Amino acid sequence: MQFVIVISMIFAILIAIFALQNAAIITINLLWYKLNLSQAVVILGSALFGVLVMIPFDIVKRVKHGMKTSELNNQIRRLNEELNSVRRETKSTDIDDLIKKEEENNKGQ
């Protein structure tokens, strides 16, 4: 997460430097409107618009990951409860040995 923030800050600084070096006044034509703006304002506005467009997509992705994480945590809890009940039902050391071997095999992968 911190890596993403650092990369975002570096990218924002590069956009700001680029915008400041290209600060000439330009005419923007949009349908029947004509605006005279600094090129820096257009560049920074475009970057901001891009960020605002991407925010909903990021929110959707985070919600999906959160739901999947919750689902997997519930599955882990349920499987651990099932494993504990099987261990209680069978006190056989053979089953415990097999489970330990299987856990070691899973850790190795």
C-alpha atoms as a PDB file:
ATOM      1  CA  MET A   1       0.000   0.000   0.000  1.00  0.00           C
ATOM      2  CA  GLN A   2       2.792   2.443   0.860  1.00  0.00           C
ATOM      3  CA  PHE A   3       4.529   1.539  -2.395  1.00  0.00           C
ATOM      4  CA  VAL A   4       1.429   2.584  -4.351  1.00  0.00           C
ATOM      5  CA  ILE A   5       1.271   5.886  -2.480  1.00  0.00           C
ATOM      6  CA  VAL A   6       4.938   6.622  -3.184  1.00  0.00           C
ATOM      7  CA  ILE A   7       4.541   5.802  -6.888  1.00  0.00           C
ATOM      8  CA  SER A   8       1.389   7.964  -7.034  1.00  0.00           C
ATOM      9  CA  MET A   9       3.220  10.896  -5.431  1.00  0.00           C
ATOM     10  CA  ILE A  10       6.131  10.569  -7.872  1.00  0.00           C
ATOM     11  CA  PHE A  11       3.690  10.464 -10.779  1.00  0.00           C
ATOM     12  CA  ALA A  12       1.829  13.540  -9.423  1.00  0.00           C
ATOM     13  CA  ILE A  13       5.105  15.453  -9.104  1.00  0.00           C
ATOM     14  CA  LEU A  14       6.065  14.566 -12.683  1.00  0.00           C
ATOM     15  CA  ILE A  15       2.651  15.761 -13.933  1.00  0.00           C
ATOM     16  CA  ALA A  16       3.027  19.013 -11.996  1.00  0.00           C
ATOM     17  CA  ILE A  17       6.530  19.627 -13.392  1.00  0.00           C
ATOM     18  CA  PHE A  18       5.311  18.878 -16.925  1.00  0.00           C
ATOM     19  CA  ALA A  19       2.333  21.203 -16.474  1.00  0.00           C
ATOM     20  CA  LEU A  20       4.450  24.059 -15.142  1.00  0.00           C
ATOM     21  CA  GLN A  21       6.920  23.756 -18.015  1.00  0.00           C
ATOM     22  CA  ASN A  22       4.026  23.956 -20.486  1.00  0.00           C
ATOM     23  CA  ALA A  23       2.206  26.968 -19.074  1.00  0.00           C
ATOM     24  CA  ALA A  24       1.406  28.790 -22.337  1.00  0.00           C
ATOM     25  CA  ILE A  25      -2.116  30.079 -22.926  1.00  0.00           C
ATOM     26  CA  ILE A  26      -4.080  27.896 -25.333  1.00  0.00           C
ATOM     27  CA  THR A  27      -7.579  27.982 -26.784  1.00  0.00           C
ATOM     28  CA  ILE A  28      -9.817  25.045 -25.961  1.00  0.00           C
ATOM     29  CA  ASN A  29     -12.708  24.355 -28.357  1.00  0.00           C
ATOM     30  CA  LEU A  30     -15.493  22.215 -26.942  1.00  0.00           C
ATOM     31  CA  LEU A  31     -18.635  22.127 -29.072  1.00  0.00           C
ATOM     32  CA  TRP A  32     -19.711  25.808 -29.217  1.00  0.00           C
ATOM     33  CA  TYR A  33     -17.507  26.976 -26.316  1.00  0.00           C
ATOM     34  CA  LYS A  34     -14.094  28.550 -26.697  1.00  0.00           C
ATOM     35  CA  LEU A  35     -11.932  28.931 -23.615  1.00  0.00           C
ATOM     36  CA  ASN A  36      -8.521  30.492 -23.234  1.00  0.00           C
ATOM     37  CA  LEU A  37      -6.724  28.589 -20.495  1.00  0.00           C
ATOM     38  CA  SER A  38      -3.233  27.908 -19.359  1.00  0.00           C
ATOM     39  CA  GLN A  39      -1.955  24.632 -20.728  1.00  0.00           C
ATOM     40  CA  ALA A  40      -0.903  23.745 -17.169  1.00  0.00           C
ATOM     41  CA  VAL A  41      -4.529  24.018 -15.996  1.00  0.00           C
ATOM     42  CA  VAL A  42      -5.662  21.774 -18.854  1.00  0.00           C
ATOM     43  CA  ILE A  43      -2.997  19.158 -18.036  1.00  0.00           C
ATOM     44  CA  LEU A  44      -3.713  19.186 -14.291  1.00  0.00           C
ATOM     45  CA  GLY A  45      -7.474  19.159 -14.906  1.00  0.00           C
ATOM     46  CA  SER A  46      -7.144  16.187 -17.235  1.00  0.00           C
ATOM     47  CA  ALA A  47      -5.072  14.290 -14.678  1.00  0.00           C
ATOM     48  CA  LEU A  48      -7.621  15.075 -11.952  1.00  0.00           C
ATOM     49  CA  PHE A  49     -10.475  13.980 -14.208  1.00  0.00           C
ATOM     50  CA  GLY A  50      -8.648  10.704 -14.866  1.00  0.00           C
ATOM     51  CA  VAL A  51      -8.284  10.092 -11.134  1.00  0.00           C
ATOM     52  CA  LEU A  52     -11.966  10.857 -10.522  1.00  0.00           C
ATOM     53  CA  VAL A  53     -13.009   8.446 -13.279  1.00  0.00           C
ATOM     54  CA  MET A  54     -10.873   5.636 -11.819  1.00  0.00           C
ATOM     55  CA  ILE A  55     -12.036   5.997  -8.185  1.00  0.00           C
ATOM     56  CA  PRO A  56     -15.353   4.091  -8.663  1.00  0.00           C
ATOM     57  CA  PHE A  57     -13.502   1.217 -10.345  1.00  0.00           C
ATOM     58  CA  ASP A  58     -11.067   1.051  -7.415  1.00  0.00           C
ATOM     59  CA  ILE A  59     -13.934   1.063  -4.907  1.00  0.00           C
ATOM     60  CA  VAL A  60     -15.654  -1.818  -6.724  1.00  0.00           C
ATOM     61  CA  LYS A  61     -12.392  -3.787  -6.795  1.00  0.00           C
ATOM     62  CA  ARG A  62     -11.798  -3.227  -3.073  1.00  0.00           C
ATOM     63  CA  VAL A  63     -15.333  -4.289  -2.174  1.00  0.00           C
ATOM     64  CA  LYS A  64     -14.997  -7.472  -4.250  1.00  0.00           C
ATOM     65  CA  HIS A  65     -11.656  -8.297  -2.616  1.00  0.00           C
ATOM     66  CA  GLY A  66     -13.132  -7.635   0.825  1.00  0.00           C
ATOM     67  CA  MET A  67     -16.079  -9.918   0.135  1.00  0.00           C
ATOM     68  CA  LYS A  68     -13.784 -12.660  -1.181  1.00  0.00           C
ATOM     69  CA  THR A  69     -11.503 -12.326   1.853  1.00  0.00           C
ATOM     70  CA  SER A  70     -14.471 -12.570   4.200  1.00  0.00           C
ATOM     71  CA  GLU A  71     -15.775 -15.608   2.340  1.00  0.00           C
ATOM     72  CA  LEU A  72     -12.381 -17.329   2.510  1.00  0.00           C
ATOM     73  CA  ASN A  73     -11.989 -16.514   6.223  1.00  0.00           C
ATOM     74  CA  ASN A  74     -15.407 -18.031   6.894  1.00  0.00           C
ATOM     75  CA  GLN A  75     -14.397 -21.125   4.928  1.00  0.00           C
ATOM     76  CA  ILE A  76     -11.155 -21.427   6.905  1.00  0.00           C
ATOM     77  CA  ARG A  77     -13.055 -21.101  10.200  1.00  0.00           C
ATOM     78  CA  ARG A  78     -15.625 -23.700   9.122  1.00  0.00           C
ATOM     79  CA  LEU A  79     -12.938 -26.144   7.965  1.00  0.00           C
ATOM     80  CA  ASN A  80     -10.976 -25.699  11.206  1.00  0.00           C
ATOM     81  CA  GLU A  81     -14.117 -26.425  13.209  1.00  0.00           C
ATOM     82  CA  GLU A  82     -14.757 -29.509  11.085  1.00  0.00           C
ATOM     83  CA  LEU A  83     -11.162 -30.645  11.534  1.00  0.00           C
ATOM     84  CA  ASN A  84     -11.362 -30.188  15.299  1.00  0.00           C
ATOM     85  CA  SER A  85     -14.605 -32.160  15.481  1.00  0.00           C
ATOM     86  CA  VAL A  86     -13.062 -34.999  13.459  1.00  0.00           C
ATOM     87  CA  ARG A  87     -10.030 -34.975  15.757  1.00  0.00           C
ATOM     88  CA  ARG A  88     -12.314 -35.182  18.794  1.00  0.00           C
ATOM     89  CA  GLU A  89     -14.288 -38.036  17.299  1.00  0.00           C
ATOM     90  CA  THR A  90     -11.245 -40.072  16.378  1.00  0.00           C
ATOM     91  CA  LYS A  91      -8.417 -40.219  18.834  1.00  0.00           C
ATOM     92  CA  SER A  92      -6.375 -42.370  16.514  1.00  0.00           C
ATOM     93  CA  THR A  93      -2.756 -41.284  16.233  1.00  0.00           C
ATOM     94  CA  ASP A  94      -2.699 -42.502  12.646  1.00  0.00           C
ATOM     95  CA  ILE A  95      -5.156 -39.813  11.580  1.00  0.00           C
ATOM     96  CA  ASP A  96      -3.232 -37.135  13.476  1.00  0.00           C
ATOM     97  CA  ASP A  97      -0.014 -38.268  11.801  1.00  0.00           C
ATOM     98  CA  LEU A  98      -1.673 -38.124   8.388  1.00  0.00           C
ATOM     99  CA  ILE A  99      -3.023 -34.636   9.087  1.00  0.00           C
ATOM    100  CA  LYS A 100       0.397 -33.390  10.215  1.00  0.00           C
ATOM    101  CA  LYS A 101       2.019 -34.830   7.111  1.00  0.00           C
ATOM    102  CA  GLU A 102      -0.620 -33.213   4.911  1.00  0.00           C
ATOM    103  CA  GLU A 103      -0.140 -29.833   6.656  1.00  0.00           C
ATOM    104  CA  GLU A 104       3.627 -30.093   6.151  1.00  0.00           C
ATOM    105  CA  ASN A 105       3.089 -30.895   2.485  1.00  0.00           C
ATOM    106  CA  ASN A 106       0.785 -27.876   2.111  1.00  0.00           C
ATOM    107  CA  LYS A 107       3.308 -25.573   3.800  1.00  0.00           C
ATOM    108  CA  GLY A 108       6.014 -26.761   1.410  1.00  0.00           C
ATOM    109  CA  GLN A 109       3.948 -25.760  -1.606  1.00  0.00           C
END
